[in-house]
Amino acid sequence: MRTASNVFILNLSIADFLFLVRIPFLVIQEILKQWPFGLVLCKVYRSITLSSSMASCFFIALISTERYFAVCLPLKANRLHNKKLAIISCILVWIISSMFRTPSL
């Protein structure tokens, strides 16, 4: 994890993995035509689905923004995109995506 891009890609892969964790539950729900896992797991399922999909969108936007600055403003990009700023950005993305899921709890 030496560069900001690697930090963003790692967090994007974590968000996508969390989104994929829901697939076995979705398959069982479709087979049984009902939710057999109870209310608590239903809320956790919805929270993970919403927050991970929102985080994925934000991380793709961060990666795109970083690449834009690297191409259009290469001299400023070296100063703007360091590992510390990338980690802070990722923490903010996870907090914001968690805030969007709060109404579903």
PDB file of N, CA and C in Angstrom:
ATOM      1  N   MET A   1       0.824  -1.187   0.000  1.00  0.00           N
ATOM      2  CA  MET A   1       0.000   0.000   0.000  1.00  0.00           C
ATOM      3  C   MET A   1       0.873   1.257   0.000  1.00  0.00           C
ATOM      4  N   ARG A   2       1.651   1.419  -1.011  1.00  0.00           N
ATOM      5  CA  ARG A   2       2.563   2.557  -1.063  1.00  0.00           C
ATOM      6  C   ARG A   2       1.936   3.798  -1.672  1.00  0.00           C
ATOM      7  N   THR A   3       0.912   3.630  -2.497  1.00  0.00           N
ATOM      8  CA  THR A   3       0.338   4.785  -3.182  1.00  0.00           C
ATOM      9  C   THR A   3      -1.125   4.961  -2.801  1.00  0.00           C
ATOM     10  N   ALA A   4      -1.623   6.148  -3.115  1.00  0.00           N
ATOM     11  CA  ALA A   4      -3.029   6.440  -2.857  1.00  0.00           C
ATOM     12  C   ALA A   4      -3.929   5.554  -3.711  1.00  0.00           C
ATOM     13  N   SER A   5      -3.516   5.283  -4.928  1.00  0.00           N
ATOM     14  CA  SER A   5      -4.316   4.418  -5.812  1.00  0.00           C
ATOM     15  C   SER A   5      -4.511   3.036  -5.208  1.00  0.00           C
ATOM     16  N   ASN A   6      -3.467   2.493  -4.622  1.00  0.00           N
ATOM     17  CA  ASN A   6      -3.584   1.170  -4.006  1.00  0.00           C
ATOM     18  C   ASN A   6      -4.536   1.179  -2.819  1.00  0.00           C
ATOM     19  N   VAL A   7      -4.524   2.252  -2.052  1.00  0.00           N
ATOM     20  CA  VAL A   7      -5.437   2.369  -0.907  1.00  0.00           C
ATOM     21  C   VAL A   7      -6.880   2.413  -1.404  1.00  0.00           C
ATOM     22  N   PHE A   8      -7.130   3.193  -2.460  1.00  0.00           N
ATOM     23  CA  PHE A   8      -8.481   3.276  -3.014  1.00  0.00           C
ATOM     24  C   PHE A   8      -8.928   1.934  -3.588  1.00  0.00           C
ATOM     25  N   ILE A   9      -8.044   1.259  -4.297  1.00  0.00           N
ATOM     26  CA  ILE A   9      -8.394  -0.024  -4.905  1.00  0.00           C
ATOM     27  C   ILE A   9      -8.641  -1.087  -3.834  1.00  0.00           C
ATOM     28  N   LEU A  10      -7.860  -1.070  -2.769  1.00  0.00           N
ATOM     29  CA  LEU A  10      -8.090  -2.008  -1.673  1.00  0.00           C
ATOM     30  C   LEU A  10      -9.465  -1.783  -1.053  1.00  0.00           C
ATOM     31  N   ASN A  11      -9.814  -0.541  -0.794  1.00  0.00           N
ATOM     32  CA  ASN A  11     -11.117  -0.251  -0.204  1.00  0.00           C
ATOM     33  C   ASN A  11     -12.254  -0.563  -1.168  1.00  0.00           C
ATOM     34  N   LEU A  12     -12.047  -0.336  -2.455  1.00  0.00           N
ATOM     35  CA  LEU A  12     -13.053  -0.711  -3.447  1.00  0.00           C
ATOM     36  C   LEU A  12     -13.263  -2.220  -3.450  1.00  0.00           C
ATOM     37  N   SER A  13     -12.188  -2.972  -3.354  1.00  0.00           N
ATOM     38  CA  SER A  13     -12.327  -4.431  -3.338  1.00  0.00           C
ATOM     39  C   SER A  13     -13.013  -4.912  -2.061  1.00  0.00           C
ATOM     40  N   ILE A  14     -12.771  -4.255  -0.942  1.00  0.00           N
ATOM     41  CA  ILE A  14     -13.466  -4.610   0.303  1.00  0.00           C
ATOM     42  C   ILE A  14     -14.959  -4.337   0.170  1.00  0.00           C
ATOM     43  N   ALA A  15     -15.309  -3.181  -0.385  1.00  0.00           N
ATOM     44  CA  ALA A  15     -16.722  -2.844  -0.573  1.00  0.00           C
ATOM     45  C   ALA A  15     -17.395  -3.828  -1.526  1.00  0.00           C
ATOM     46  N   ASP A  16     -16.719  -4.193  -2.594  1.00  0.00           N
ATOM     47  CA  ASP A  16     -17.292  -5.158  -3.536  1.00  0.00           C
ATOM     48  C   ASP A  16     -17.419  -6.544  -2.909  1.00  0.00           C
ATOM     49  N   PHE A  17     -16.452  -6.930  -2.091  1.00  0.00           N
ATOM     50  CA  PHE A  17     -16.541  -8.220  -1.407  1.00  0.00           C
ATOM     51  C   PHE A  17     -17.730  -8.242  -0.448  1.00  0.00           C
ATOM     52  N   LEU A  18     -17.938  -7.152   0.287  1.00  0.00           N
ATOM     53  CA  LEU A  18     -19.093  -7.083   1.186  1.00  0.00           C
ATOM     54  C   LEU A  18     -20.402  -7.179   0.407  1.00  0.00           C
ATOM     55  N   PHE A  19     -20.414  -6.602  -0.774  1.00  0.00           N
ATOM     56  CA  PHE A  19     -21.608  -6.692  -1.613  1.00  0.00           C
ATOM     57  C   PHE A  19     -21.837  -8.135  -2.073  1.00  0.00           C
ATOM     58  N   LEU A  20     -20.755  -8.856  -2.355  1.00  0.00           N
ATOM     59  CA  LEU A  20     -20.879 -10.246  -2.804  1.00  0.00           C
ATOM     60  C   LEU A  20     -21.267 -11.205  -1.681  1.00  0.00           C
ATOM     61  N   VAL A  21     -20.983 -10.847  -0.444  1.00  0.00           N
ATOM     62  CA  VAL A  21     -21.325 -11.702   0.699  1.00  0.00           C
ATOM     63  C   VAL A  21     -22.830 -11.927   0.778  1.00  0.00           C
ATOM     64  N   ARG A  22     -23.600 -11.017   0.257  1.00  0.00           N
ATOM     65  CA  ARG A  22     -25.053 -11.115   0.351  1.00  0.00           C
ATOM     66  C   ARG A  22     -25.664 -12.120  -0.622  1.00  0.00           C
ATOM     67  N   ILE A  23     -24.915 -12.571  -1.608  1.00  0.00           N
ATOM     68  CA  ILE A  23     -25.473 -13.421  -2.664  1.00  0.00           C
ATOM     69  C   ILE A  23     -26.023 -14.756  -2.144  1.00  0.00           C
ATOM     70  N   PRO A  24     -25.339 -15.477  -1.250  1.00  0.00           N
ATOM     71  CA  PRO A  24     -25.949 -16.727  -0.760  1.00  0.00           C
ATOM     72  C   PRO A  24     -27.305 -16.502  -0.076  1.00  0.00           C
ATOM     73  N   PHE A  25     -27.427 -15.405   0.650  1.00  0.00           N
ATOM     74  CA  PHE A  25     -28.704 -15.100   1.297  1.00  0.00           C
ATOM     75  C   PHE A  25     -29.778 -14.797   0.258  1.00  0.00           C
ATOM     76  N   LEU A  26     -29.392 -14.100  -0.788  1.00  0.00           N
ATOM     77  CA  LEU A  26     -30.324 -13.777  -1.861  1.00  0.00           C
ATOM     78  C   LEU A  26     -30.797 -15.034  -2.586  1.00  0.00           C
ATOM     79  N   VAL A  27     -29.901 -15.966  -2.821  1.00  0.00           N
ATOM     80  CA  VAL A  27     -30.260 -17.219  -3.496  1.00  0.00           C
ATOM     81  C   VAL A  27     -31.239 -18.021  -2.639  1.00  0.00           C
ATOM     82  N   ILE A  28     -30.958 -18.128  -1.352  1.00  0.00           N
ATOM     83  CA  ILE A  28     -31.856 -18.872  -0.456  1.00  0.00           C
ATOM     84  C   ILE A  28     -33.217 -18.200  -0.378  1.00  0.00           C
ATOM     85  N   GLN A  29     -33.228 -16.880  -0.330  1.00  0.00           N
ATOM     86  CA  GLN A  29     -34.492 -16.153  -0.299  1.00  0.00           C
ATOM     87  C   GLN A  29     -35.297 -16.403  -1.573  1.00  0.00           C
ATOM     88  N   GLU A  30     -34.651 -16.424  -2.713  1.00  0.00           N
ATOM     89  CA  GLU A  30     -35.354 -16.669  -3.972  1.00  0.00           C
ATOM     90  C   GLU A  30     -35.862 -18.102  -4.071  1.00  0.00           C
ATOM     91  N   ILE A  31     -35.123 -19.056  -3.539  1.00  0.00           N
ATOM     92  CA  ILE A  31     -35.562 -20.456  -3.580  1.00  0.00           C
ATOM     93  C   ILE A  31     -36.777 -20.660  -2.679  1.00  0.00           C
ATOM     94  N   LEU A  32     -36.722 -20.095  -1.467  1.00  0.00           N
ATOM     95  CA  LEU A  32     -37.806 -20.294  -0.498  1.00  0.00           C
ATOM     96  C   LEU A  32     -38.960 -19.314  -0.669  1.00  0.00           C
ATOM     97  N   LYS A  33     -38.760 -18.261  -1.439  1.00  0.00           N
ATOM     98  CA  LYS A  33     -39.765 -17.209  -1.662  1.00  0.00           C
ATOM     99  C   LYS A  33     -40.162 -16.481  -0.381  1.00  0.00           C
ATOM    100  N   GLN A  34     -39.260 -16.495   0.598  1.00  0.00           N
ATOM    101  CA  GLN A  34     -39.453 -15.736   1.833  1.00  0.00           C
ATOM    102  C   GLN A  34     -38.096 -15.544   2.494  1.00  0.00           C
ATOM    103  N   TRP A  35     -38.056 -14.681   3.489  1.00  0.00           N
ATOM    104  CA  TRP A  35     -36.806 -14.421   4.214  1.00  0.00           C
ATOM    105  C   TRP A  35     -36.783 -15.293   5.464  1.00  0.00           C
ATOM    106  N   PRO A  36     -35.964 -16.351   5.496  1.00  0.00           N
ATOM    107  CA  PRO A  36     -35.985 -17.278   6.628  1.00  0.00           C
ATOM    108  C   PRO A  36     -34.994 -16.945   7.742  1.00  0.00           C
ATOM    109  N   PHE A  37     -34.283 -15.841   7.655  1.00  0.00           N
ATOM    110  CA  PHE A  37     -33.171 -15.588   8.567  1.00  0.00           C
ATOM    111  C   PHE A  37     -33.500 -14.661   9.736  1.00  0.00           C
ATOM    112  N   GLY A  38     -34.705 -14.182   9.834  1.00  0.00           N
ATOM    113  CA  GLY A  38     -35.092 -13.352  10.963  1.00  0.00           C
ATOM    114  C   GLY A  38     -34.905 -11.864  10.708  1.00  0.00           C
ATOM    115  N   LEU A  39     -35.450 -11.080  11.629  1.00  0.00           N
ATOM    116  CA  LEU A  39     -35.467  -9.627  11.470  1.00  0.00           C
ATOM    117  C   LEU A  39     -34.081  -9.003  11.606  1.00  0.00           C
ATOM    118  N   VAL A  40     -33.289  -9.485  12.553  1.00  0.00           N
ATOM    119  CA  VAL A  40     -31.964  -8.889  12.784  1.00  0.00           C
ATOM    120  C   VAL A  40     -31.079  -9.063  11.559  1.00  0.00           C
ATOM    121  N   LEU A  41     -31.027 -10.272  11.026  1.00  0.00           N
ATOM    122  CA  LEU A  41     -30.191 -10.512   9.849  1.00  0.00           C
ATOM    123  C   LEU A  41     -30.739  -9.785   8.621  1.00  0.00           C
ATOM    124  N   CYS A  42     -32.037  -9.578   8.576  1.00  0.00           N
ATOM    125  CA  CYS A  42     -32.628  -8.806   7.485  1.00  0.00           C
ATOM    126  C   CYS A  42     -32.109  -7.371   7.508  1.00  0.00           C
ATOM    127  N   LYS A  43     -32.065  -6.784   8.693  1.00  0.00           N
ATOM    128  CA  LYS A  43     -31.564  -5.410   8.814  1.00  0.00           C
ATOM    129  C   LYS A  43     -30.071  -5.332   8.519  1.00  0.00           C
ATOM    130  N   VAL A  44     -29.313  -6.322   8.979  1.00  0.00           N
ATOM    131  CA  VAL A  44     -27.876  -6.358   8.687  1.00  0.00           C
ATOM    132  C   VAL A  44     -27.657  -6.524   7.186  1.00  0.00           C
ATOM    133  N   TYR A  45     -28.434  -7.391   6.575  1.00  0.00           N
ATOM    134  CA  TYR A  45     -28.347  -7.635   5.131  1.00  0.00           C
ATOM    135  C   TYR A  45     -28.587  -6.349   4.346  1.00  0.00           C
ATOM    136  N   ARG A  46     -29.651  -5.650   4.699  1.00  0.00           N
ATOM    137  CA  ARG A  46     -29.961  -4.390   4.003  1.00  0.00           C
ATOM    138  C   ARG A  46     -28.884  -3.344   4.240  1.00  0.00           C
ATOM    139  N   SER A  47     -28.380  -3.269   5.459  1.00  0.00           N
ATOM    140  CA  SER A  47     -27.338  -2.290   5.775  1.00  0.00           C
ATOM    141  C   SER A  47     -26.064  -2.557   4.988  1.00  0.00           C
ATOM    142  N   ILE A  48     -25.654  -3.812   4.935  1.00  0.00           N
ATOM    143  CA  ILE A  48     -24.442  -4.157   4.181  1.00  0.00           C
ATOM    144  C   ILE A  48     -24.644  -3.886   2.698  1.00  0.00           C
ATOM    145  N   THR A  49     -25.817  -4.229   2.184  1.00  0.00           N
ATOM    146  CA  THR A  49     -26.090  -3.998   0.768  1.00  0.00           C
ATOM    147  C   THR A  49     -26.019  -2.518   0.431  1.00  0.00           C
ATOM    148  N   LEU A  50     -26.696  -1.700   1.223  1.00  0.00           N
ATOM    149  CA  LEU A  50     -26.731  -0.265   0.936  1.00  0.00           C
ATOM    150  C   LEU A  50     -25.372   0.399   1.123  1.00  0.00           C
ATOM    151  N   SER A  51     -24.714   0.108   2.227  1.00  0.00           N
ATOM    152  CA  SER A  51     -23.448   0.792   2.494  1.00  0.00           C
ATOM    153  C   SER A  51     -22.344   0.341   1.549  1.00  0.00           C
ATOM    154  N   SER A  52     -22.301  -0.936   1.201  1.00  0.00           N
ATOM    155  CA  SER A  52     -21.233  -1.394   0.308  1.00  0.00           C
ATOM    156  C   SER A  52     -21.436  -0.897  -1.120  1.00  0.00           C
ATOM    157  N   SER A  53     -22.673  -0.844  -1.580  1.00  0.00           N
ATOM    158  CA  SER A  53     -22.895  -0.319  -2.932  1.00  0.00           C
ATOM    159  C   SER A  53     -22.616   1.176  -2.989  1.00  0.00           C
ATOM    160  N   MET A  54     -22.979   1.900  -1.950  1.00  0.00           N
ATOM    161  CA  MET A  54     -22.687   3.332  -1.894  1.00  0.00           C
ATOM    162  C   MET A  54     -21.179   3.561  -1.809  1.00  0.00           C
ATOM    163  N   ALA A  55     -20.496   2.790  -0.994  1.00  0.00           N
ATOM    164  CA  ALA A  55     -19.044   2.930  -0.865  1.00  0.00           C
ATOM    165  C   ALA A  55     -18.347   2.605  -2.181  1.00  0.00           C
ATOM    166  N   SER A  56     -18.821   1.600  -2.898  1.00  0.00           N
ATOM    167  CA  SER A  56     -18.226   1.270  -4.197  1.00  0.00           C
ATOM    168  C   SER A  56     -18.323   2.442  -5.160  1.00  0.00           C
ATOM    169  N   CYS A  57     -19.477   3.073  -5.188  1.00  0.00           N
ATOM    170  CA  CYS A  57     -19.644   4.245  -6.067  1.00  0.00           C
ATOM    171  C   CYS A  57     -18.698   5.368  -5.668  1.00  0.00           C
ATOM    172  N   PHE A  58     -18.587   5.619  -4.381  1.00  0.00           N
ATOM    173  CA  PHE A  58     -17.687   6.679  -3.914  1.00  0.00           C
ATOM    174  C   PHE A  58     -16.227   6.359  -4.228  1.00  0.00           C
ATOM    175  N   PHE A  59     -15.825   5.111  -4.050  1.00  0.00           N
ATOM    176  CA  PHE A  59     -14.428   4.752  -4.324  1.00  0.00           C
ATOM    177  C   PHE A  59     -14.111   4.840  -5.811  1.00  0.00           C
ATOM    178  N   ILE A  60     -15.064   4.479  -6.664  1.00  0.00           N
ATOM    179  CA  ILE A  60     -14.848   4.646  -8.102  1.00  0.00           C
ATOM    180  C   ILE A  60     -14.706   6.127  -8.437  1.00  0.00           C
ATOM    181  N   ALA A  61     -15.506   6.965  -7.786  1.00  0.00           N
ATOM    182  CA  ALA A  61     -15.381   8.411  -8.004  1.00  0.00           C
ATOM    183  C   ALA A  61     -14.026   8.930  -7.516  1.00  0.00           C
ATOM    184  N   LEU A  62     -13.557   8.445  -6.372  1.00  0.00           N
ATOM    185  CA  LEU A  62     -12.242   8.860  -5.870  1.00  0.00           C
ATOM    186  C   LEU A  62     -11.118   8.429  -6.806  1.00  0.00           C
ATOM    187  N   ILE A  63     -11.188   7.208  -7.289  1.00  0.00           N
ATOM    188  CA  ILE A  63     -10.163   6.724  -8.216  1.00  0.00           C
ATOM    189  C   ILE A  63     -10.185   7.544  -9.502  1.00  0.00           C
ATOM    190  N   SER A  64     -11.376   7.846 -10.000  1.00  0.00           N
ATOM    191  CA  SER A  64     -11.490   8.649 -11.220  1.00  0.00           C
ATOM    192  C   SER A  64     -10.947  10.051 -11.017  1.00  0.00           C
ATOM    193  N   THR A  65     -11.245  10.639  -9.873  1.00  0.00           N
ATOM    194  CA  THR A  65     -10.739  11.982  -9.574  1.00  0.00           C
ATOM    195  C   THR A  65      -9.224  11.981  -9.467  1.00  0.00           C
ATOM    196  N   GLU A  66      -8.690  10.979  -8.813  1.00  0.00           N
ATOM    197  CA  GLU A  66      -7.233  10.899  -8.685  1.00  0.00           C
ATOM    198  C   GLU A  66      -6.570  10.732 -10.048  1.00  0.00           C
ATOM    199  N   ARG A  67      -7.128   9.902 -10.894  1.00  0.00           N
ATOM    200  CA  ARG A  67      -6.573   9.701 -12.237  1.00  0.00           C
ATOM    201  C   ARG A  67      -6.695  10.974 -13.073  1.00  0.00           C
ATOM    202  N   TYR A  68      -7.806  11.706 -12.913  1.00  0.00           N
ATOM    203  CA  TYR A  68      -7.980  12.969 -13.634  1.00  0.00           C
ATOM    204  C   TYR A  68      -6.871  13.951 -13.268  1.00  0.00           C
ATOM    205  N   PHE A  69      -6.629  14.102 -11.969  1.00  0.00           N
ATOM    206  CA  PHE A  69      -5.569  15.016 -11.537  1.00  0.00           C
ATOM    207  C   PHE A  69      -4.195  14.534 -11.990  1.00  0.00           C
ATOM    208  N   ALA A  70      -3.980  13.234 -12.007  1.00  0.00           N
ATOM    209  CA  ALA A  70      -2.685  12.704 -12.434  1.00  0.00           C
ATOM    210  C   ALA A  70      -2.424  12.987 -13.911  1.00  0.00           C
ATOM    211  N   VAL A  71      -3.486  13.000 -14.716  1.00  0.00           N
ATOM    212  CA  VAL A  71      -3.317  13.245 -16.150  1.00  0.00           C
ATOM    213  C   VAL A  71      -3.305  14.736 -16.469  1.00  0.00           C
ATOM    214  N   CYS A  72      -4.248  15.480 -15.893  1.00  0.00           N
ATOM    215  CA  CYS A  72      -4.390  16.897 -16.256  1.00  0.00           C
ATOM    216  C   CYS A  72      -3.476  17.826 -15.469  1.00  0.00           C
ATOM    217  N   LEU A  73      -3.206  17.507 -14.227  1.00  0.00           N
ATOM    218  CA  LEU A  73      -2.353  18.346 -13.379  1.00  0.00           C
ATOM    219  C   LEU A  73      -1.281  17.482 -12.721  1.00  0.00           C
ATOM    220  N   PRO A  74      -0.340  16.972 -13.480  1.00  0.00           N
ATOM    221  CA  PRO A  74       0.606  16.000 -12.908  1.00  0.00           C
ATOM    222  C   PRO A  74       1.507  16.573 -11.817  1.00  0.00           C
ATOM    223  N   LEU A  75       1.837  17.849 -11.886  1.00  0.00           N
ATOM    224  CA  LEU A  75       2.710  18.419 -10.861  1.00  0.00           C
ATOM    225  C   LEU A  75       1.982  18.599  -9.530  1.00  0.00           C
ATOM    226  N   LYS A  76       0.724  19.004  -9.600  1.00  0.00           N
ATOM    227  CA  LYS A  76      -0.059  19.154  -8.369  1.00  0.00           C
ATOM    228  C   LYS A  76      -0.503  17.801  -7.814  1.00  0.00           C
ATOM    229  N   ALA A  77      -0.658  16.830  -8.686  1.00  0.00           N
ATOM    230  CA  ALA A  77      -1.139  15.514  -8.250  1.00  0.00           C
ATOM    231  C   ALA A  77      -0.171  14.861  -7.277  1.00  0.00           C
ATOM    232  N   ASN A  78       1.111  15.089  -7.461  1.00  0.00           N
ATOM    233  CA  ASN A  78       2.096  14.506  -6.541  1.00  0.00           C
ATOM    234  C   ASN A  78       1.951  15.069  -5.138  1.00  0.00           C
ATOM    235  N   ARG A  79       1.592  16.342  -5.050  1.00  0.00           N
ATOM    236  CA  ARG A  79       1.423  16.956  -3.728  1.00  0.00           C
ATOM    237  C   ARG A  79       0.063  16.648  -3.123  1.00  0.00           C
ATOM    238  N   LEU A  80      -0.956  16.552  -3.975  1.00  0.00           N
ATOM    239  CA  LEU A  80      -2.318  16.363  -3.473  1.00  0.00           C
ATOM    240  C   LEU A  80      -2.621  14.927  -3.068  1.00  0.00           C
ATOM    241  N   HIS A  81      -2.082  13.974  -3.782  1.00  0.00           N
ATOM    242  CA  HIS A  81      -2.462  12.581  -3.555  1.00  0.00           C
ATOM    243  C   HIS A  81      -1.341  11.817  -2.875  1.00  0.00           C
ATOM    244  N   ASN A  82      -1.383  11.852  -1.575  1.00  0.00           N
ATOM    245  CA  ASN A  82      -0.441  11.039  -0.808  1.00  0.00           C
ATOM    246  C   ASN A  82      -1.231   9.983  -0.037  1.00  0.00           C
ATOM    247  N   LYS A  83      -0.534   9.095   0.577  1.00  0.00           N
ATOM    248  CA  LYS A  83      -1.174   7.965   1.254  1.00  0.00           C
ATOM    249  C   LYS A  83      -2.032   8.422   2.433  1.00  0.00           C
ATOM    250  N   LYS A  84      -1.565   9.412   3.172  1.00  0.00           N
ATOM    251  CA  LYS A  84      -2.309   9.891   4.340  1.00  0.00           C
ATOM    252  C   LYS A  84      -3.654  10.480   3.925  1.00  0.00           C
ATOM    253  N   LEU A  85      -3.660  11.295   2.879  1.00  0.00           N
ATOM    254  CA  LEU A  85      -4.902  11.880   2.391  1.00  0.00           C
ATOM    255  C   LEU A  85      -5.839  10.798   1.849  1.00  0.00           C
ATOM    256  N   ALA A  86      -5.276   9.784   1.221  1.00  0.00           N
ATOM    257  CA  ALA A  86      -6.093   8.682   0.704  1.00  0.00           C
ATOM    258  C   ALA A  86      -6.761   7.914   1.842  1.00  0.00           C
ATOM    259  N   ILE A  87      -6.031   7.673   2.910  1.00  0.00           N
ATOM    260  CA  ILE A  87      -6.605   6.954   4.059  1.00  0.00           C
ATOM    261  C   ILE A  87      -7.712   7.775   4.707  1.00  0.00           C
ATOM    262  N   ILE A  88      -7.495   9.070   4.852  1.00  0.00           N
ATOM    263  CA  ILE A  88      -8.528   9.949   5.418  1.00  0.00           C
ATOM    264  C   ILE A  88      -9.759   9.957   4.517  1.00  0.00           C
ATOM    265  N   SER A  89      -9.546  10.016   3.207  1.00  0.00           N
ATOM    266  CA  SER A  89     -10.662   9.993   2.260  1.00  0.00           C
ATOM    267  C   SER A  89     -11.447   8.692   2.368  1.00  0.00           C
ATOM    268  N   CYS A  90     -10.749   7.588   2.510  1.00  0.00           N
ATOM    269  CA  CYS A  90     -11.420   6.289   2.622  1.00  0.00           C
ATOM    270  C   CYS A  90     -12.230   6.186   3.911  1.00  0.00           C
ATOM    271  N   ILE A  91     -11.683   6.696   4.985  1.00  0.00           N
ATOM    272  CA  ILE A  91     -12.423   6.698   6.253  1.00  0.00           C
ATOM    273  C   ILE A  91     -13.693   7.527   6.118  1.00  0.00           C
ATOM    274  N   LEU A  92     -13.582   8.677   5.466  1.00  0.00           N
ATOM    275  CA  LEU A  92     -14.761   9.518   5.252  1.00  0.00           C
ATOM    276  C   LEU A  92     -15.796   8.825   4.367  1.00  0.00           C
ATOM    277  N   VAL A  93     -15.345   8.118   3.358  1.00  0.00           N
ATOM    278  CA  VAL A  93     -16.277   7.391   2.487  1.00  0.00           C
ATOM    279  C   VAL A  93     -17.032   6.335   3.282  1.00  0.00           C
ATOM    280  N   TRP A  94     -16.335   5.584   4.127  1.00  0.00           N
ATOM    281  CA  TRP A  94     -17.018   4.560   4.922  1.00  0.00           C
ATOM    282  C   TRP A  94     -17.995   5.190   5.909  1.00  0.00           C
ATOM    283  N   ILE A  95     -17.634   6.331   6.495  1.00  0.00           N
ATOM    284  CA  ILE A  95     -18.546   7.014   7.422  1.00  0.00           C
ATOM    285  C   ILE A  95     -19.779   7.515   6.685  1.00  0.00           C
ATOM    286  N   ILE A  96     -19.573   8.142   5.529  1.00  0.00           N
ATOM    287  CA  ILE A  96     -20.702   8.674   4.761  1.00  0.00           C
ATOM    288  C   ILE A  96     -21.607   7.546   4.274  1.00  0.00           C
ATOM    289  N   SER A  97     -21.027   6.471   3.786  1.00  0.00           N
ATOM    290  CA  SER A  97     -21.863   5.360   3.315  1.00  0.00           C
ATOM    291  C   SER A  97     -22.597   4.692   4.479  1.00  0.00           C
ATOM    292  N   SER A  98     -22.009   4.702   5.662  1.00  0.00           N
ATOM    293  CA  SER A  98     -22.704   4.177   6.844  1.00  0.00           C
ATOM    294  C   SER A  98     -23.845   5.091   7.264  1.00  0.00           C
ATOM    295  N   MET A  99     -23.663   6.384   7.089  1.00  0.00           N
ATOM    296  CA  MET A  99     -24.733   7.323   7.425  1.00  0.00           C
ATOM    297  C   MET A  99     -25.922   7.156   6.486  1.00  0.00           C
ATOM    298  N   PHE A 100     -25.680   6.822   5.230  1.00  0.00           N
ATOM    299  CA  PHE A 100     -26.779   6.614   4.292  1.00  0.00           C
ATOM    300  C   PHE A 100     -27.581   5.364   4.621  1.00  0.00           C
ATOM    301  N   ARG A 101     -26.986   4.406   5.285  1.00  0.00           N
ATOM    302  CA  ARG A 101     -27.708   3.176   5.608  1.00  0.00           C
ATOM    303  C   ARG A 101     -28.480   3.290   6.910  1.00  0.00           C
ATOM    304  N   THR A 102     -28.237   4.306   7.705  1.00  0.00           N
ATOM    305  CA  THR A 102     -28.864   4.442   9.016  1.00  0.00           C
ATOM    306  C   THR A 102     -30.394   4.390   8.964  1.00  0.00           C
ATOM    307  N   PRO A 103     -31.065   5.036   7.999  1.00  0.00           N
ATOM    308  CA  PRO A 103     -32.534   4.931   7.984  1.00  0.00           C
ATOM    309  C   PRO A 103     -33.054   3.508   7.791  1.00  0.00           C
ATOM    310  N   SER A 104     -32.263   2.625   7.192  1.00  0.00           N
ATOM    311  CA  SER A 104     -32.746   1.254   6.984  1.00  0.00           C
ATOM    312  C   SER A 104     -32.662   0.413   8.252  1.00  0.00           C
ATOM    313  N   LEU A 105     -31.955   0.898   9.271  1.00  0.00           N
ATOM    314  CA  LEU A 105     -31.881   0.157  10.528  1.00  0.00           C
ATOM    315  C   LEU A 105     -33.142   0.423  11.293  1.00  0.00           C
TER     316      LEU A 105
END
